[in-house]
N, C-alpha and C. Protein backbone atom coordinates (compact mmCIF):
# COMPACT_ATOMS: atom_id res chain seq x y z
N MET A 1 -27.68 14.42 19.75
CA MET A 1 -26.63 13.59 20.35
C MET A 1 -25.29 13.91 19.71
N ASP A 2 -24.23 13.95 20.51
CA ASP A 2 -22.89 14.26 20.03
C ASP A 2 -22.17 12.98 19.62
N TYR A 3 -21.75 12.91 18.35
CA TYR A 3 -21.04 11.74 17.83
C TYR A 3 -19.58 12.09 17.59
N PHE A 4 -18.98 12.76 18.54
CA PHE A 4 -17.66 13.35 18.34
C PHE A 4 -16.90 13.28 19.66
N ASP A 5 -15.63 12.96 19.59
CA ASP A 5 -14.82 12.85 20.81
C ASP A 5 -13.44 13.43 20.54
N THR A 6 -13.06 14.42 21.32
CA THR A 6 -11.77 15.07 21.13
C THR A 6 -10.64 14.40 21.91
N ASP A 7 -10.97 13.43 22.74
CA ASP A 7 -9.98 12.84 23.64
C ASP A 7 -9.30 11.61 23.05
N ASN A 8 -8.09 11.35 23.53
CA ASN A 8 -7.36 10.12 23.23
C ASN A 8 -7.44 9.19 24.43
N TYR A 9 -7.36 7.88 24.18
CA TYR A 9 -7.57 6.92 25.26
C TYR A 9 -6.51 5.83 25.26
N LYS A 10 -6.11 5.45 26.48
CA LYS A 10 -5.24 4.29 26.69
C LYS A 10 -5.82 3.49 27.84
N PHE A 11 -5.86 2.17 27.68
CA PHE A 11 -6.40 1.30 28.71
C PHE A 11 -5.42 0.18 29.01
N ASN A 12 -5.37 -0.20 30.30
CA ASN A 12 -4.56 -1.35 30.74
C ASN A 12 -3.11 -1.23 30.26
N THR A 13 -2.50 -0.12 30.58
CA THR A 13 -1.19 0.23 30.00
C THR A 13 -0.04 -0.65 30.49
N GLU A 14 -0.27 -1.52 31.46
CA GLU A 14 0.80 -2.38 31.96
C GLU A 14 0.93 -3.69 31.17
N SER A 15 -0.03 -3.97 30.31
CA SER A 15 0.00 -5.23 29.57
C SER A 15 1.12 -5.25 28.54
N GLN A 16 1.64 -6.43 28.27
CA GLN A 16 2.67 -6.62 27.25
C GLN A 16 2.07 -6.96 25.88
N ASN A 17 0.76 -6.99 25.81
CA ASN A 17 0.07 -7.30 24.55
C ASN A 17 -0.70 -6.06 24.11
N GLY A 18 -0.21 -5.40 23.07
CA GLY A 18 -0.77 -4.12 22.68
C GLY A 18 -1.65 -4.18 21.45
N ILE A 19 -2.74 -3.41 21.48
CA ILE A 19 -3.62 -3.28 20.32
C ILE A 19 -3.77 -1.79 20.00
N TYR A 20 -3.36 -1.43 18.78
CA TYR A 20 -3.44 -0.05 18.31
C TYR A 20 -4.66 0.05 17.39
N ILE A 21 -5.62 0.91 17.76
CA ILE A 21 -6.91 0.98 17.07
C ILE A 21 -7.04 2.32 16.36
N ILE A 22 -7.37 2.27 15.07
CA ILE A 22 -7.38 3.47 14.24
C ILE A 22 -8.79 3.72 13.70
N HIS A 23 -9.33 4.89 14.00
CA HIS A 23 -10.69 5.24 13.55
C HIS A 23 -10.71 5.59 12.06
N GLY A 24 -11.92 5.86 11.57
CA GLY A 24 -12.10 6.15 10.15
C GLY A 24 -11.94 7.61 9.80
N PHE A 25 -12.00 7.88 8.50
CA PHE A 25 -11.82 9.23 7.96
C PHE A 25 -12.91 10.17 8.45
N THR A 26 -12.50 11.31 8.97
CA THR A 26 -13.33 12.39 9.55
C THR A 26 -14.04 11.97 10.83
N ASN A 27 -13.83 10.76 11.28
CA ASN A 27 -14.41 10.33 12.55
C ASN A 27 -13.45 10.64 13.69
N SER A 28 -13.70 10.08 14.84
CA SER A 28 -12.88 10.37 16.02
C SER A 28 -12.86 9.14 16.91
N THR A 29 -12.30 9.29 18.07
CA THR A 29 -12.26 8.17 19.01
C THR A 29 -13.65 7.82 19.54
N TYR A 30 -14.66 8.59 19.15
CA TYR A 30 -16.04 8.21 19.51
C TYR A 30 -16.35 6.79 19.02
N GLU A 31 -15.83 6.43 17.83
CA GLU A 31 -16.15 5.11 17.27
C GLU A 31 -15.20 4.01 17.71
N THR A 32 -14.13 4.35 18.42
CA THR A 32 -13.15 3.33 18.82
C THR A 32 -12.96 3.20 20.33
N LYS A 33 -13.44 4.17 21.10
CA LYS A 33 -13.21 4.14 22.55
C LYS A 33 -13.80 2.89 23.20
N ASP A 34 -15.05 2.57 22.88
CA ASP A 34 -15.71 1.43 23.53
C ASP A 34 -14.98 0.12 23.23
N LEU A 35 -14.54 -0.04 22.00
CA LEU A 35 -13.78 -1.24 21.64
C LEU A 35 -12.47 -1.29 22.40
N ALA A 36 -11.79 -0.15 22.48
CA ALA A 36 -10.52 -0.10 23.21
C ALA A 36 -10.72 -0.42 24.69
N GLU A 37 -11.78 0.12 25.26
CA GLU A 37 -12.06 -0.13 26.68
C GLU A 37 -12.39 -1.61 26.91
N TYR A 38 -13.19 -2.19 26.03
CA TYR A 38 -13.55 -3.60 26.16
C TYR A 38 -12.32 -4.49 26.06
N LEU A 39 -11.48 -4.27 25.06
CA LEU A 39 -10.29 -5.09 24.89
C LEU A 39 -9.29 -4.88 26.02
N GLY A 40 -9.29 -3.67 26.59
CA GLY A 40 -8.46 -3.43 27.76
C GLY A 40 -8.88 -4.31 28.93
N LYS A 41 -10.18 -4.49 29.08
CA LYS A 41 -10.70 -5.34 30.16
C LYS A 41 -10.40 -6.82 29.91
N GLN A 42 -10.10 -7.17 28.65
CA GLN A 42 -9.74 -8.55 28.33
C GLN A 42 -8.24 -8.82 28.51
N GLY A 43 -7.51 -7.80 28.96
CA GLY A 43 -6.10 -8.00 29.27
C GLY A 43 -5.12 -7.36 28.32
N PHE A 44 -5.60 -6.60 27.35
CA PHE A 44 -4.71 -5.96 26.38
C PHE A 44 -4.45 -4.50 26.76
N TYR A 45 -3.27 -4.03 26.38
CA TYR A 45 -2.98 -2.60 26.42
C TYR A 45 -3.50 -2.01 25.12
N THR A 46 -4.49 -1.15 25.20
CA THR A 46 -5.12 -0.61 23.99
C THR A 46 -4.96 0.90 23.91
N GLN A 47 -4.88 1.37 22.68
CA GLN A 47 -4.86 2.80 22.41
C GLN A 47 -5.92 3.12 21.37
N ALA A 48 -6.70 4.15 21.64
CA ALA A 48 -7.63 4.73 20.67
C ALA A 48 -7.28 6.21 20.58
N ILE A 49 -6.66 6.59 19.49
CA ILE A 49 -6.07 7.92 19.36
C ILE A 49 -6.66 8.63 18.15
N ASN A 50 -6.92 9.93 18.29
CA ASN A 50 -7.37 10.72 17.15
C ASN A 50 -6.22 10.98 16.18
N LEU A 51 -6.47 10.73 14.91
CA LEU A 51 -5.48 11.01 13.88
C LEU A 51 -5.29 12.51 13.71
N PRO A 52 -4.17 12.94 13.13
CA PRO A 52 -3.98 14.37 12.84
C PRO A 52 -5.15 14.92 12.02
N GLY A 53 -5.64 16.09 12.45
CA GLY A 53 -6.76 16.71 11.76
C GLY A 53 -8.11 16.15 12.14
N HIS A 54 -8.15 15.24 13.09
CA HIS A 54 -9.40 14.62 13.54
C HIS A 54 -9.62 14.92 15.02
N GLY A 55 -10.88 14.97 15.40
CA GLY A 55 -11.20 15.35 16.77
C GLY A 55 -11.00 16.84 17.01
N THR A 56 -10.91 17.61 15.93
CA THR A 56 -10.72 19.06 16.03
C THR A 56 -11.77 19.76 15.17
N THR A 57 -11.39 20.20 13.95
CA THR A 57 -12.32 20.86 13.04
C THR A 57 -12.07 20.39 11.61
N PRO A 58 -13.07 20.50 10.73
CA PRO A 58 -12.85 20.16 9.32
C PRO A 58 -11.77 21.03 8.69
N GLU A 59 -11.69 22.28 9.13
CA GLU A 59 -10.65 23.17 8.61
C GLU A 59 -9.26 22.64 8.94
N ASP A 60 -9.12 22.15 10.16
CA ASP A 60 -7.85 21.56 10.58
C ASP A 60 -7.53 20.32 9.74
N CYS A 61 -8.54 19.52 9.47
CA CYS A 61 -8.34 18.31 8.68
C CYS A 61 -7.86 18.65 7.27
N ASN A 62 -8.35 19.75 6.73
CA ASN A 62 -7.94 20.17 5.38
C ASN A 62 -6.49 20.62 5.31
N ARG A 63 -5.87 20.84 6.44
CA ARG A 63 -4.47 21.27 6.45
C ARG A 63 -3.50 20.08 6.55
N VAL A 64 -4.02 18.89 6.70
CA VAL A 64 -3.19 17.71 6.93
C VAL A 64 -2.84 17.03 5.61
N LYS A 65 -1.64 16.48 5.53
CA LYS A 65 -1.20 15.66 4.40
C LYS A 65 -1.30 14.18 4.78
N PHE A 66 -1.46 13.33 3.77
CA PHE A 66 -1.60 11.90 4.08
C PHE A 66 -0.36 11.34 4.75
N THR A 67 0.78 11.95 4.48
CA THR A 67 2.01 11.51 5.14
C THR A 67 1.98 11.79 6.64
N ASP A 68 1.19 12.79 7.06
CA ASP A 68 1.05 13.04 8.50
C ASP A 68 0.35 11.87 9.18
N TRP A 69 -0.67 11.32 8.54
CA TRP A 69 -1.37 10.15 9.10
C TRP A 69 -0.44 8.95 9.16
N ILE A 70 0.34 8.77 8.11
CA ILE A 70 1.28 7.64 8.07
C ILE A 70 2.31 7.77 9.18
N GLU A 71 2.94 8.93 9.27
CA GLU A 71 4.00 9.12 10.26
C GLU A 71 3.46 9.01 11.68
N TYR A 72 2.26 9.53 11.91
CA TYR A 72 1.67 9.49 13.24
C TYR A 72 1.41 8.06 13.69
N THR A 73 0.82 7.26 12.81
CA THR A 73 0.51 5.88 13.19
C THR A 73 1.77 5.02 13.27
N GLU A 74 2.73 5.28 12.40
CA GLU A 74 4.01 4.56 12.50
C GLU A 74 4.66 4.81 13.85
N GLN A 75 4.65 6.07 14.29
CA GLN A 75 5.24 6.39 15.59
C GLN A 75 4.45 5.75 16.72
N GLY A 76 3.13 5.73 16.59
CA GLY A 76 2.30 5.11 17.62
C GLY A 76 2.60 3.64 17.79
N VAL A 77 2.74 2.92 16.69
CA VAL A 77 3.05 1.49 16.77
C VAL A 77 4.48 1.28 17.26
N ALA A 78 5.39 2.13 16.82
CA ALA A 78 6.78 2.02 17.29
C ALA A 78 6.87 2.22 18.79
N ASP A 79 6.15 3.21 19.31
CA ASP A 79 6.15 3.47 20.75
C ASP A 79 5.54 2.30 21.51
N MET A 80 4.46 1.74 21.00
CA MET A 80 3.83 0.60 21.65
C MET A 80 4.76 -0.62 21.61
N SER A 81 5.48 -0.78 20.51
CA SER A 81 6.40 -1.91 20.37
C SER A 81 7.54 -1.85 21.38
N ALA A 82 7.90 -0.65 21.79
CA ALA A 82 8.98 -0.50 22.77
C ALA A 82 8.58 -1.05 24.13
N GLN A 83 7.27 -1.14 24.38
CA GLN A 83 6.77 -1.64 25.66
C GLN A 83 6.26 -3.07 25.58
N CYS A 84 5.65 -3.43 24.44
CA CYS A 84 4.90 -4.68 24.35
C CYS A 84 5.67 -5.77 23.61
N ASP A 85 5.42 -7.01 24.01
CA ASP A 85 6.00 -8.16 23.31
C ASP A 85 5.20 -8.52 22.06
N ASN A 86 3.91 -8.23 22.08
CA ASN A 86 3.03 -8.57 20.96
C ASN A 86 2.22 -7.35 20.56
N ILE A 87 2.13 -7.11 19.25
CA ILE A 87 1.43 -5.93 18.74
C ILE A 87 0.38 -6.36 17.72
N TYR A 88 -0.83 -5.83 17.91
CA TYR A 88 -1.93 -6.06 16.98
C TYR A 88 -2.48 -4.69 16.55
N VAL A 89 -3.02 -4.63 15.35
CA VAL A 89 -3.59 -3.38 14.85
C VAL A 89 -5.00 -3.65 14.35
N ILE A 90 -5.91 -2.74 14.68
CA ILE A 90 -7.29 -2.78 14.18
C ILE A 90 -7.57 -1.45 13.50
N GLY A 91 -8.05 -1.49 12.27
CA GLY A 91 -8.38 -0.26 11.55
C GLY A 91 -9.78 -0.31 10.98
N ILE A 92 -10.44 0.85 10.96
CA ILE A 92 -11.79 0.98 10.43
C ILE A 92 -11.77 2.00 9.30
N SER A 93 -12.31 1.64 8.13
CA SER A 93 -12.42 2.56 7.00
C SER A 93 -11.02 3.06 6.60
N MET A 94 -10.78 4.38 6.63
CA MET A 94 -9.42 4.84 6.33
C MET A 94 -8.43 4.32 7.36
N GLY A 95 -8.89 4.10 8.58
CA GLY A 95 -8.02 3.50 9.59
C GLY A 95 -7.56 2.12 9.17
N SER A 96 -8.40 1.41 8.41
CA SER A 96 -8.01 0.11 7.88
C SER A 96 -6.93 0.25 6.81
N VAL A 97 -7.02 1.31 6.01
CA VAL A 97 -5.98 1.57 5.01
C VAL A 97 -4.65 1.82 5.71
N LEU A 98 -4.67 2.59 6.77
CA LEU A 98 -3.45 2.82 7.55
C LEU A 98 -2.97 1.55 8.22
N ALA A 99 -3.91 0.72 8.68
CA ALA A 99 -3.53 -0.57 9.28
C ALA A 99 -2.84 -1.46 8.25
N LEU A 100 -3.30 -1.42 7.01
CA LEU A 100 -2.64 -2.18 5.94
C LEU A 100 -1.22 -1.67 5.73
N HIS A 101 -1.05 -0.37 5.75
CA HIS A 101 0.30 0.19 5.62
C HIS A 101 1.19 -0.28 6.77
N LEU A 102 0.69 -0.17 7.99
CA LEU A 102 1.48 -0.58 9.15
C LEU A 102 1.83 -2.06 9.07
N SER A 103 0.89 -2.86 8.61
CA SER A 103 1.13 -4.31 8.49
C SER A 103 2.17 -4.63 7.43
N SER A 104 2.36 -3.71 6.49
CA SER A 104 3.33 -3.95 5.42
C SER A 104 4.76 -3.62 5.84
N ILE A 105 4.91 -2.90 6.96
CA ILE A 105 6.27 -2.49 7.37
C ILE A 105 6.66 -2.96 8.77
N PHE A 106 5.69 -3.35 9.59
CA PHE A 106 5.99 -3.83 10.94
C PHE A 106 5.70 -5.33 11.02
N PRO A 107 6.47 -6.07 11.83
CA PRO A 107 6.19 -7.51 12.04
C PRO A 107 5.08 -7.71 13.07
N LEU A 108 3.87 -7.35 12.71
CA LEU A 108 2.74 -7.43 13.63
C LEU A 108 2.35 -8.88 13.89
N ASN A 109 1.76 -9.11 15.06
CA ASN A 109 1.27 -10.45 15.38
C ASN A 109 -0.01 -10.78 14.63
N ALA A 110 -0.83 -9.76 14.38
CA ALA A 110 -2.06 -9.94 13.60
C ALA A 110 -2.68 -8.57 13.37
N ALA A 111 -3.62 -8.52 12.43
CA ALA A 111 -4.30 -7.26 12.14
C ALA A 111 -5.74 -7.53 11.71
N VAL A 112 -6.60 -6.55 12.00
CA VAL A 112 -8.00 -6.60 11.58
C VAL A 112 -8.26 -5.41 10.67
N PHE A 113 -8.77 -5.68 9.47
CA PHE A 113 -9.07 -4.64 8.50
C PHE A 113 -10.59 -4.59 8.31
N ALA A 114 -11.22 -3.54 8.81
CA ALA A 114 -12.69 -3.45 8.80
C ALA A 114 -13.15 -2.31 7.89
N SER A 115 -14.08 -2.64 6.99
CA SER A 115 -14.68 -1.63 6.10
C SER A 115 -13.62 -0.81 5.37
N THR A 116 -12.64 -1.50 4.84
CA THR A 116 -11.54 -0.83 4.14
C THR A 116 -12.05 0.00 2.97
N VAL A 117 -11.44 1.16 2.76
CA VAL A 117 -11.78 2.00 1.61
C VAL A 117 -10.53 2.15 0.73
N LEU A 118 -10.37 1.23 -0.19
CA LEU A 118 -9.34 1.35 -1.22
C LEU A 118 -9.98 1.61 -2.58
N LYS A 119 -11.14 1.02 -2.80
CA LYS A 119 -11.97 1.34 -3.96
C LYS A 119 -13.11 2.23 -3.50
N PHE A 120 -13.47 3.20 -4.33
CA PHE A 120 -14.51 4.15 -3.96
C PHE A 120 -15.80 3.89 -4.74
N LYS A 121 -16.91 4.23 -4.11
CA LYS A 121 -18.22 4.06 -4.74
C LYS A 121 -18.34 4.91 -6.00
N ASP A 122 -17.73 6.10 -5.97
CA ASP A 122 -17.77 7.01 -7.12
C ASP A 122 -16.33 7.35 -7.51
N PRO A 123 -15.63 6.45 -8.20
CA PRO A 123 -14.21 6.67 -8.48
C PRO A 123 -13.95 7.90 -9.35
N PHE A 124 -14.87 8.22 -10.26
CA PHE A 124 -14.66 9.41 -11.10
C PHE A 124 -14.62 10.67 -10.25
N SER A 125 -15.55 10.77 -9.30
CA SER A 125 -15.58 11.93 -8.42
C SER A 125 -14.31 12.03 -7.58
N ILE A 126 -13.86 10.90 -7.04
CA ILE A 126 -12.70 10.92 -6.15
C ILE A 126 -11.40 11.14 -6.92
N HIS A 127 -11.21 10.39 -7.98
CA HIS A 127 -9.91 10.39 -8.66
C HIS A 127 -9.77 11.47 -9.73
N ILE A 128 -10.87 11.98 -10.25
CA ILE A 128 -10.80 12.99 -11.31
C ILE A 128 -11.27 14.36 -10.82
N LEU A 129 -12.49 14.43 -10.28
CA LEU A 129 -13.05 15.72 -9.89
C LEU A 129 -12.41 16.30 -8.63
N THR A 130 -12.18 15.46 -7.63
CA THR A 130 -11.62 15.98 -6.37
C THR A 130 -10.28 16.67 -6.56
N PRO A 131 -9.30 16.09 -7.27
CA PRO A 131 -8.03 16.79 -7.45
C PRO A 131 -8.17 18.11 -8.20
N LEU A 132 -9.20 18.22 -9.05
CA LEU A 132 -9.39 19.44 -9.83
C LEU A 132 -10.07 20.55 -9.04
N PHE A 133 -11.02 20.18 -8.17
CA PHE A 133 -11.91 21.18 -7.60
C PHE A 133 -11.85 21.33 -6.08
N TYR A 134 -10.99 20.57 -5.38
CA TYR A 134 -11.05 20.63 -3.92
C TYR A 134 -10.69 22.01 -3.38
N ARG A 135 -9.90 22.78 -4.12
CA ARG A 135 -9.56 24.14 -3.65
C ARG A 135 -10.75 25.09 -3.79
N LEU A 136 -11.58 24.86 -4.79
CA LEU A 136 -12.75 25.71 -5.01
C LEU A 136 -13.90 25.35 -4.09
N LEU A 137 -14.03 24.06 -3.78
CA LEU A 137 -15.10 23.57 -2.91
C LEU A 137 -14.47 22.84 -1.74
N PRO A 138 -14.06 23.57 -0.70
CA PRO A 138 -13.30 22.95 0.38
C PRO A 138 -14.09 22.00 1.27
N PHE A 139 -15.44 22.07 1.23
CA PHE A 139 -16.27 21.20 2.07
C PHE A 139 -17.47 20.70 1.28
N ARG A 140 -17.94 19.51 1.66
CA ARG A 140 -19.12 18.92 1.02
C ARG A 140 -19.95 18.21 2.08
N ASP A 141 -21.24 18.44 2.04
CA ASP A 141 -22.16 17.84 3.01
C ASP A 141 -22.08 16.31 2.92
N LYS A 142 -21.80 15.66 4.05
CA LYS A 142 -21.69 14.20 4.05
C LYS A 142 -22.96 13.50 3.59
N ARG A 143 -24.10 14.09 3.88
CA ARG A 143 -25.36 13.42 3.56
C ARG A 143 -25.53 13.18 2.07
N LYS A 144 -24.85 13.98 1.25
CA LYS A 144 -24.94 13.81 -0.20
C LYS A 144 -24.24 12.54 -0.67
N SER A 145 -23.48 11.90 0.21
CA SER A 145 -22.83 10.64 -0.14
C SER A 145 -23.77 9.45 0.00
N TYR A 146 -24.95 9.69 0.56
CA TYR A 146 -25.91 8.61 0.81
C TYR A 146 -27.08 8.71 -0.18
N PRO A 147 -27.80 7.62 -0.40
CA PRO A 147 -28.99 7.68 -1.26
C PRO A 147 -29.98 8.73 -0.75
N LYS A 148 -30.66 9.39 -1.67
CA LYS A 148 -31.55 10.50 -1.31
C LYS A 148 -32.64 10.08 -0.33
N ASN A 149 -33.11 8.85 -0.46
CA ASN A 149 -34.25 8.43 0.36
C ASN A 149 -33.89 8.21 1.83
N ILE A 150 -32.59 8.20 2.17
CA ILE A 150 -32.22 8.00 3.58
C ILE A 150 -31.43 9.18 4.14
N ARG A 151 -31.20 10.21 3.33
CA ARG A 151 -30.37 11.32 3.80
C ARG A 151 -30.92 11.98 5.06
N HIS A 152 -32.24 12.07 5.17
CA HIS A 152 -32.84 12.74 6.32
C HIS A 152 -32.64 11.95 7.61
N LYS A 153 -32.22 10.68 7.50
CA LYS A 153 -32.01 9.84 8.68
C LYS A 153 -30.54 9.81 9.12
N ILE A 154 -29.67 10.43 8.34
CA ILE A 154 -28.24 10.27 8.57
C ILE A 154 -27.73 11.24 9.63
N TYR A 155 -27.03 10.69 10.61
CA TYR A 155 -26.29 11.48 11.59
C TYR A 155 -24.86 10.95 11.58
N SER A 156 -23.98 11.67 10.95
CA SER A 156 -22.63 11.17 10.72
C SER A 156 -21.78 11.23 11.98
N LEU A 157 -20.96 10.21 12.14
CA LEU A 157 -19.93 10.28 13.17
C LEU A 157 -18.90 11.32 12.76
N GLY A 158 -18.34 12.02 13.74
CA GLY A 158 -17.29 12.98 13.44
C GLY A 158 -17.84 14.22 12.75
N TYR A 159 -17.07 14.72 11.79
CA TYR A 159 -17.45 15.94 11.08
C TYR A 159 -18.70 15.71 10.23
N GLN A 160 -19.52 16.75 10.11
CA GLN A 160 -20.73 16.66 9.30
C GLN A 160 -20.48 16.98 7.83
N ASP A 161 -19.30 17.50 7.52
CA ASP A 161 -18.92 17.79 6.14
C ASP A 161 -17.65 17.04 5.78
N TRP A 162 -17.51 16.69 4.49
CA TRP A 162 -16.25 16.14 4.01
C TRP A 162 -15.27 17.29 3.77
N PRO A 163 -14.11 17.30 4.42
CA PRO A 163 -13.07 18.28 4.10
C PRO A 163 -12.36 17.83 2.83
N MET A 164 -12.56 18.53 1.73
CA MET A 164 -12.21 18.00 0.42
C MET A 164 -10.70 17.94 0.14
N SER A 165 -9.93 18.83 0.73
CA SER A 165 -8.48 18.69 0.60
C SER A 165 -8.03 17.40 1.27
N ALA A 166 -8.63 17.09 2.41
CA ALA A 166 -8.30 15.84 3.11
C ALA A 166 -8.79 14.63 2.31
N VAL A 167 -9.93 14.75 1.63
CA VAL A 167 -10.38 13.67 0.75
C VAL A 167 -9.33 13.40 -0.33
N ASN A 168 -8.77 14.48 -0.87
CA ASN A 168 -7.71 14.32 -1.87
C ASN A 168 -6.48 13.64 -1.29
N GLU A 169 -6.18 13.94 -0.03
CA GLU A 169 -5.05 13.27 0.62
C GLU A 169 -5.35 11.79 0.87
N MET A 170 -6.60 11.50 1.21
CA MET A 170 -6.98 10.10 1.38
C MET A 170 -6.85 9.35 0.06
N ARG A 171 -7.22 10.01 -1.02
CA ARG A 171 -7.05 9.41 -2.35
C ARG A 171 -5.58 9.03 -2.58
N LYS A 172 -4.67 9.92 -2.24
CA LYS A 172 -3.24 9.64 -2.39
C LYS A 172 -2.81 8.47 -1.51
N LEU A 173 -3.35 8.44 -0.29
CA LEU A 173 -3.02 7.35 0.63
C LEU A 173 -3.45 6.00 0.06
N THR A 174 -4.67 5.93 -0.46
CA THR A 174 -5.15 4.66 -0.99
C THR A 174 -4.33 4.22 -2.19
N ASN A 175 -3.95 5.16 -3.04
CA ASN A 175 -3.12 4.81 -4.20
C ASN A 175 -1.79 4.21 -3.77
N GLN A 176 -1.21 4.75 -2.71
CA GLN A 176 0.07 4.23 -2.23
C GLN A 176 -0.10 2.85 -1.60
N VAL A 177 -1.11 2.70 -0.76
CA VAL A 177 -1.26 1.46 0.00
C VAL A 177 -1.63 0.29 -0.91
N LYS A 178 -2.40 0.55 -1.97
CA LYS A 178 -2.74 -0.53 -2.91
C LYS A 178 -1.49 -1.20 -3.47
N GLN A 179 -0.43 -0.43 -3.63
CA GLN A 179 0.80 -0.98 -4.20
C GLN A 179 1.56 -1.88 -3.23
N THR A 180 1.28 -1.75 -1.94
CA THR A 180 2.05 -2.49 -0.94
C THR A 180 1.27 -3.63 -0.30
N LEU A 181 0.08 -3.93 -0.79
CA LEU A 181 -0.72 -5.02 -0.22
C LEU A 181 0.03 -6.35 -0.16
N PRO A 182 0.80 -6.72 -1.18
CA PRO A 182 1.52 -8.00 -1.11
C PRO A 182 2.54 -8.07 0.03
N ASN A 183 2.92 -6.92 0.58
CA ASN A 183 3.88 -6.90 1.69
C ASN A 183 3.23 -7.23 3.03
N VAL A 184 1.91 -7.33 3.07
CA VAL A 184 1.21 -7.67 4.30
C VAL A 184 1.25 -9.19 4.47
N LYS A 185 1.92 -9.65 5.52
CA LYS A 185 2.13 -11.09 5.71
C LYS A 185 1.64 -11.60 7.06
N CYS A 186 1.22 -10.71 7.95
CA CYS A 186 0.78 -11.14 9.27
C CYS A 186 -0.60 -11.80 9.18
N PRO A 187 -0.97 -12.63 10.17
CA PRO A 187 -2.34 -13.15 10.22
C PRO A 187 -3.35 -12.01 10.16
N ALA A 188 -4.39 -12.19 9.35
CA ALA A 188 -5.29 -11.06 9.08
C ALA A 188 -6.74 -11.49 9.09
N MET A 189 -7.58 -10.59 9.57
CA MET A 189 -9.03 -10.74 9.48
C MET A 189 -9.57 -9.55 8.69
N VAL A 190 -10.32 -9.84 7.63
CA VAL A 190 -10.89 -8.81 6.77
C VAL A 190 -12.40 -8.81 6.97
N ILE A 191 -12.94 -7.67 7.41
CA ILE A 191 -14.36 -7.58 7.77
C ILE A 191 -15.04 -6.50 6.94
N HIS A 192 -16.24 -6.79 6.48
CA HIS A 192 -17.00 -5.77 5.74
C HIS A 192 -18.49 -6.00 5.98
N SER A 193 -19.22 -4.93 6.26
CA SER A 193 -20.66 -5.03 6.49
C SER A 193 -21.41 -4.91 5.17
N ASP A 194 -22.40 -5.77 4.95
CA ASP A 194 -23.21 -5.65 3.74
C ASP A 194 -24.19 -4.48 3.84
N ARG A 195 -24.20 -3.79 4.97
CA ARG A 195 -25.03 -2.60 5.14
C ARG A 195 -24.22 -1.31 5.03
N ASP A 196 -22.93 -1.44 4.75
CA ASP A 196 -22.07 -0.27 4.64
C ASP A 196 -22.49 0.56 3.43
N LYS A 197 -22.82 1.83 3.65
CA LYS A 197 -23.31 2.69 2.57
C LYS A 197 -22.18 3.49 1.90
N LEU A 198 -20.98 3.45 2.46
CA LEU A 198 -19.89 4.25 1.92
C LEU A 198 -18.77 3.41 1.33
N SER A 199 -18.37 2.36 2.01
CA SER A 199 -17.31 1.49 1.51
C SER A 199 -17.93 0.33 0.74
N ILE A 200 -17.60 0.21 -0.54
CA ILE A 200 -18.25 -0.80 -1.38
C ILE A 200 -17.70 -2.19 -1.07
N PRO A 201 -18.50 -3.25 -1.28
CA PRO A 201 -18.08 -4.61 -0.94
C PRO A 201 -16.86 -5.10 -1.72
N ASP A 202 -16.59 -4.51 -2.89
CA ASP A 202 -15.42 -4.92 -3.67
C ASP A 202 -14.13 -4.83 -2.87
N ASN A 203 -14.14 -3.99 -1.85
CA ASN A 203 -12.92 -3.79 -1.06
C ASN A 203 -12.49 -5.06 -0.32
N ILE A 204 -13.45 -5.89 0.06
CA ILE A 204 -13.06 -7.07 0.84
C ILE A 204 -12.23 -8.03 0.00
N SER A 205 -12.61 -8.24 -1.26
CA SER A 205 -11.83 -9.13 -2.11
C SER A 205 -10.52 -8.48 -2.54
N LEU A 206 -10.53 -7.16 -2.73
CA LEU A 206 -9.29 -6.46 -3.08
C LEU A 206 -8.24 -6.67 -2.01
N VAL A 207 -8.64 -6.55 -0.75
CA VAL A 207 -7.70 -6.75 0.35
C VAL A 207 -7.35 -8.23 0.50
N TYR A 208 -8.37 -9.06 0.62
CA TYR A 208 -8.15 -10.48 0.92
C TYR A 208 -7.31 -11.16 -0.16
N ASP A 209 -7.58 -10.86 -1.41
CA ASP A 209 -6.90 -11.54 -2.51
C ASP A 209 -5.48 -11.05 -2.75
N ASN A 210 -5.14 -9.87 -2.25
CA ASN A 210 -3.84 -9.28 -2.58
C ASN A 210 -2.84 -9.25 -1.44
N ILE A 211 -3.30 -9.44 -0.19
CA ILE A 211 -2.32 -9.56 0.89
C ILE A 211 -1.69 -10.94 0.84
N SER A 212 -0.49 -11.05 1.41
CA SER A 212 0.27 -12.31 1.33
C SER A 212 0.17 -13.15 2.60
N SER A 213 -0.73 -12.80 3.48
CA SER A 213 -0.89 -13.52 4.74
C SER A 213 -1.24 -14.98 4.49
N GLU A 214 -0.50 -15.89 5.13
CA GLU A 214 -0.83 -17.31 5.02
C GLU A 214 -2.06 -17.66 5.85
N ILE A 215 -2.24 -16.94 6.95
CA ILE A 215 -3.42 -17.12 7.79
C ILE A 215 -4.31 -15.89 7.62
N LYS A 216 -5.47 -16.08 7.03
CA LYS A 216 -6.38 -14.94 6.83
C LYS A 216 -7.82 -15.44 6.75
N GLU A 217 -8.72 -14.61 7.25
CA GLU A 217 -10.15 -14.92 7.24
C GLU A 217 -10.89 -13.68 6.76
N LYS A 218 -12.04 -13.89 6.15
CA LYS A 218 -12.88 -12.76 5.77
C LYS A 218 -14.31 -13.01 6.22
N PHE A 219 -14.95 -11.92 6.65
CA PHE A 219 -16.32 -12.00 7.15
C PHE A 219 -17.13 -10.85 6.56
N ILE A 220 -18.31 -11.17 6.07
CA ILE A 220 -19.20 -10.15 5.52
C ILE A 220 -20.51 -10.19 6.30
C-alpha cells in the first residue's frame, strides 16, 4: 500500500473561514488530505499542502533548510488571511511545531497542536550525534526508531528513511520555537496519543504549560 501523496489540496475555497493544515516530518498530504476534505464539507476553506522537501524524495528533503519550512507556512497563512475573515491552524508532529511558530506571529482565531515534537525520545542522538554525523550518514532507516519487537510491523507514512540533514534542520526549528512558546496567545487545543511511538508524552506539558493562551485544552 502507498502511504505517500505528492499532491496539494484545497477544499471549499469560497469560505471565509480558513484552516491551514500542516503534516508531519517526512510525511505528506497523505496524512492530512482526509481531514482537510472532511473540514471542507463542514463549511471551512481548508488547505493540505506538502512542505518543501516533502512529497518528493528524501534527497530533496536533505536540501531544505528549516527556514524554508517557516517561510513557506508563513506565506501560506498570509495568503489565506487575504481571503478569509477567520484563520485556524492544525499541525501534526513537526507540523505542530510550525503551527506553534505561526501562532506566535499571527493573530489566529485558534490552533490545534497534535503530537508535537519539541522534546525528543533520544535527545543525545538528535542534539549531539546528528549535527556531527549527518553528512557522513545522510539517511537512516525509520524502523530503527521503533522498538525491535514491532519493527517488522512498521509501514511508515511518507519516506521510509530519515533524511538526516533534514533531521538536523528540524532540530534547529525546535530549538527556535521553544523560545517563542510564550508568544502563543490564541485559543489552543493540545493533543497527544498515548500510543505515539515517536513523540514522547512530555511534549504535551511542555506546550500546554508554556503557551500564554487564556483558553486552552489538552487531550491525551
